[in-house]
Amino acid sequence: MSFAPLLAAEPAVLLHAVAAMSAFALGLVQFAAPKGTLPHRTIGWVWVALMAAVAASSFWIHTIRLVGPWSPIHLLSLYTLAVLPLAVWAAHRHRVAAHRRAMITLFSGALVIAGLFTLLPGRIMHKVVFGP
């Protein structure tokens, strides 16, 4: 494992990857930790900011181009930017089930599933994990 390919990537890719890896780690903490506590809310706000950074930074990454400079992954970024405030609002309104469902969906889809696609051959994270 070598971070050299990631460190050599353009700044948007580096920001995207670091924010995604950080959000993944904090997401695991959130799943394991007690809910509704001050630490949960604090870490949750950091997680939301990281996810917004992951989604926003994707608009400067155009490795896969299917419609102009865009790819289907950019639809996931739009979805993420739409659902994040709704999930926060659900928590604020004490709609715990809706909050939980939104956050689990974002974690699973935007981090786990999308993250697995970054491990395909030819992608930067494949080179980081498996070598050139």
Protein backbone atom coordinates (compact mmCIF):
# COMPACT_ATOMS: atom_id res chain seq x y z
CA MET A 1 0.00 0.00 0.00
CA SER A 2 1.35 3.38 -1.05
CA PHE A 3 -0.28 6.81 -0.83
CA ALA A 4 2.07 8.15 -3.54
CA PRO A 5 -0.53 7.93 -6.36
CA LEU A 6 -3.04 9.81 -4.23
CA LEU A 7 -0.54 12.46 -3.17
CA ALA A 8 0.40 12.99 -6.83
CA ALA A 9 -3.24 13.48 -7.87
CA GLU A 10 -4.84 16.84 -8.50
CA PRO A 11 -5.98 18.75 -5.36
CA ALA A 12 -9.70 18.02 -5.86
CA VAL A 13 -9.01 14.28 -5.94
CA LEU A 14 -6.86 14.47 -2.79
CA LEU A 15 -9.51 16.52 -0.94
CA HIS A 16 -12.22 14.13 -2.12
CA ALA A 17 -10.34 11.02 -1.00
CA VAL A 18 -9.23 12.39 2.38
CA ALA A 19 -12.72 13.67 3.16
CA ALA A 20 -14.26 10.32 2.10
CA MET A 21 -11.83 8.24 4.18
CA SER A 22 -12.37 10.52 7.19
CA ALA A 23 -16.15 10.36 6.77
CA PHE A 24 -15.97 6.57 6.54
CA ALA A 25 -13.99 6.33 9.79
CA LEU A 26 -16.25 8.78 11.64
CA GLY A 27 -19.31 6.99 10.26
CA LEU A 28 -18.13 3.75 11.83
CA VAL A 29 -17.67 5.59 15.14
CA GLN A 30 -21.19 7.00 14.84
CA PHE A 31 -22.69 3.55 14.28
CA ALA A 32 -20.91 2.11 17.33
CA ALA A 33 -21.34 5.02 19.76
CA PRO A 34 -24.42 5.91 21.83
CA LYS A 35 -26.97 7.97 19.92
CA GLY A 36 -28.40 11.36 20.89
CA THR A 37 -25.45 12.35 23.04
CA LEU A 38 -23.37 15.52 22.68
CA PRO A 39 -20.44 13.56 21.17
CA HIS A 40 -22.84 11.95 18.66
CA ARG A 41 -24.17 15.34 17.62
CA THR A 42 -20.71 16.90 17.45
CA ILE A 43 -19.19 14.08 15.41
CA GLY A 44 -22.36 14.11 13.32
CA TRP A 45 -21.83 17.75 12.33
CA VAL A 46 -18.23 16.97 11.37
CA TRP A 47 -19.46 13.98 9.36
CA VAL A 48 -22.03 16.13 7.54
CA ALA A 49 -19.33 18.68 6.67
CA LEU A 50 -17.04 15.92 5.40
CA MET A 51 -19.81 14.41 3.29
CA ALA A 52 -20.60 17.83 1.83
CA ALA A 53 -16.90 18.18 0.97
CA VAL A 54 -16.88 14.71 -0.64
CA ALA A 55 -19.94 15.52 -2.75
CA ALA A 56 -18.88 19.06 -3.68
CA SER A 57 -15.32 18.10 -4.57
CA SER A 58 -16.62 15.44 -6.99
CA PHE A 59 -17.79 18.21 -9.33
CA TRP A 60 -14.12 19.02 -10.04
CA ILE A 61 -13.28 15.38 -10.84
CA HIS A 62 -13.98 14.36 -14.42
CA THR A 63 -12.11 11.07 -14.84
CA ILE A 64 -15.18 9.26 -16.19
CA ARG A 65 -17.08 11.32 -18.79
CA LEU A 66 -20.41 10.02 -20.06
CA VAL A 67 -22.43 13.22 -20.55
CA GLY A 68 -20.01 16.04 -21.22
CA PRO A 69 -17.72 16.19 -18.20
CA TRP A 70 -20.25 14.35 -16.00
CA SER A 71 -20.79 10.75 -14.99
CA PRO A 72 -23.51 8.93 -13.02
CA ILE A 73 -21.48 9.40 -9.84
CA HIS A 74 -22.27 13.12 -10.05
CA LEU A 75 -25.96 12.22 -9.62
CA LEU A 76 -24.99 10.56 -6.34
CA SER A 77 -23.24 13.78 -5.34
CA LEU A 78 -26.40 15.79 -6.05
CA TYR A 79 -28.42 13.26 -4.08
CA THR A 80 -25.98 13.53 -1.16
CA LEU A 81 -26.14 17.32 -1.13
CA ALA A 82 -29.95 17.14 -1.13
CA VAL A 83 -30.31 14.44 1.54
CA LEU A 84 -27.74 15.77 4.04
CA PRO A 85 -29.81 18.80 5.12
CA LEU A 86 -32.98 16.69 5.16
CA ALA A 87 -31.30 14.17 7.47
CA VAL A 88 -30.10 16.94 9.79
CA TRP A 89 -33.58 18.47 9.75
CA ALA A 90 -35.10 15.08 10.63
CA ALA A 91 -32.80 14.82 13.66
CA HIS A 92 -33.66 18.38 14.69
CA ARG A 93 -37.37 17.49 14.51
CA HIS A 94 -36.72 14.29 16.55
CA ARG A 95 -37.72 12.12 13.59
CA VAL A 96 -35.16 9.52 14.60
CA ALA A 97 -36.22 6.78 12.16
CA ALA A 98 -36.05 9.14 9.16
CA HIS A 99 -32.70 10.51 10.35
CA ARG A 100 -31.27 7.02 10.83
CA ARG A 101 -32.54 5.80 7.45
CA ALA A 102 -31.09 8.82 5.61
CA MET A 103 -27.70 8.59 7.29
CA ILE A 104 -27.39 4.83 6.79
CA THR A 105 -28.37 5.26 3.13
CA LEU A 106 -25.76 7.99 2.63
CA PHE A 107 -23.05 5.99 4.40
CA SER A 108 -23.86 2.81 2.47
CA GLY A 109 -24.31 4.35 -0.96
CA ALA A 110 -22.03 7.36 -1.03
CA LEU A 111 -19.15 5.86 0.96
CA VAL A 112 -19.25 2.05 0.87
CA ILE A 113 -20.67 1.31 -2.59
CA ALA A 114 -19.09 4.30 -4.34
CA GLY A 115 -15.86 3.56 -2.46
CA LEU A 116 -15.77 0.02 -3.80
CA PHE A 117 -15.91 1.40 -7.34
CA THR A 118 -12.74 3.39 -6.62
CA LEU A 119 -10.92 0.07 -6.23
CA LEU A 120 -11.47 -0.90 -9.87
CA PRO A 121 -8.30 -1.28 -11.97
CA GLY A 122 -7.10 1.99 -13.46
CA ARG A 123 -8.46 4.12 -10.61
CA ILE A 124 -6.17 5.98 -8.21
CA MET A 125 -7.36 4.14 -5.10
CA HIS A 126 -6.70 0.81 -6.83
CA LYS A 127 -3.08 1.93 -7.26
CA VAL A 128 -2.97 3.06 -3.60
CA VAL A 129 -4.26 -0.25 -2.26
CA PHE A 130 -2.90 -2.78 -4.77
CA GLY A 131 0.07 -0.99 -6.35
CA PRO A 132 0.64 0.07 -9.98
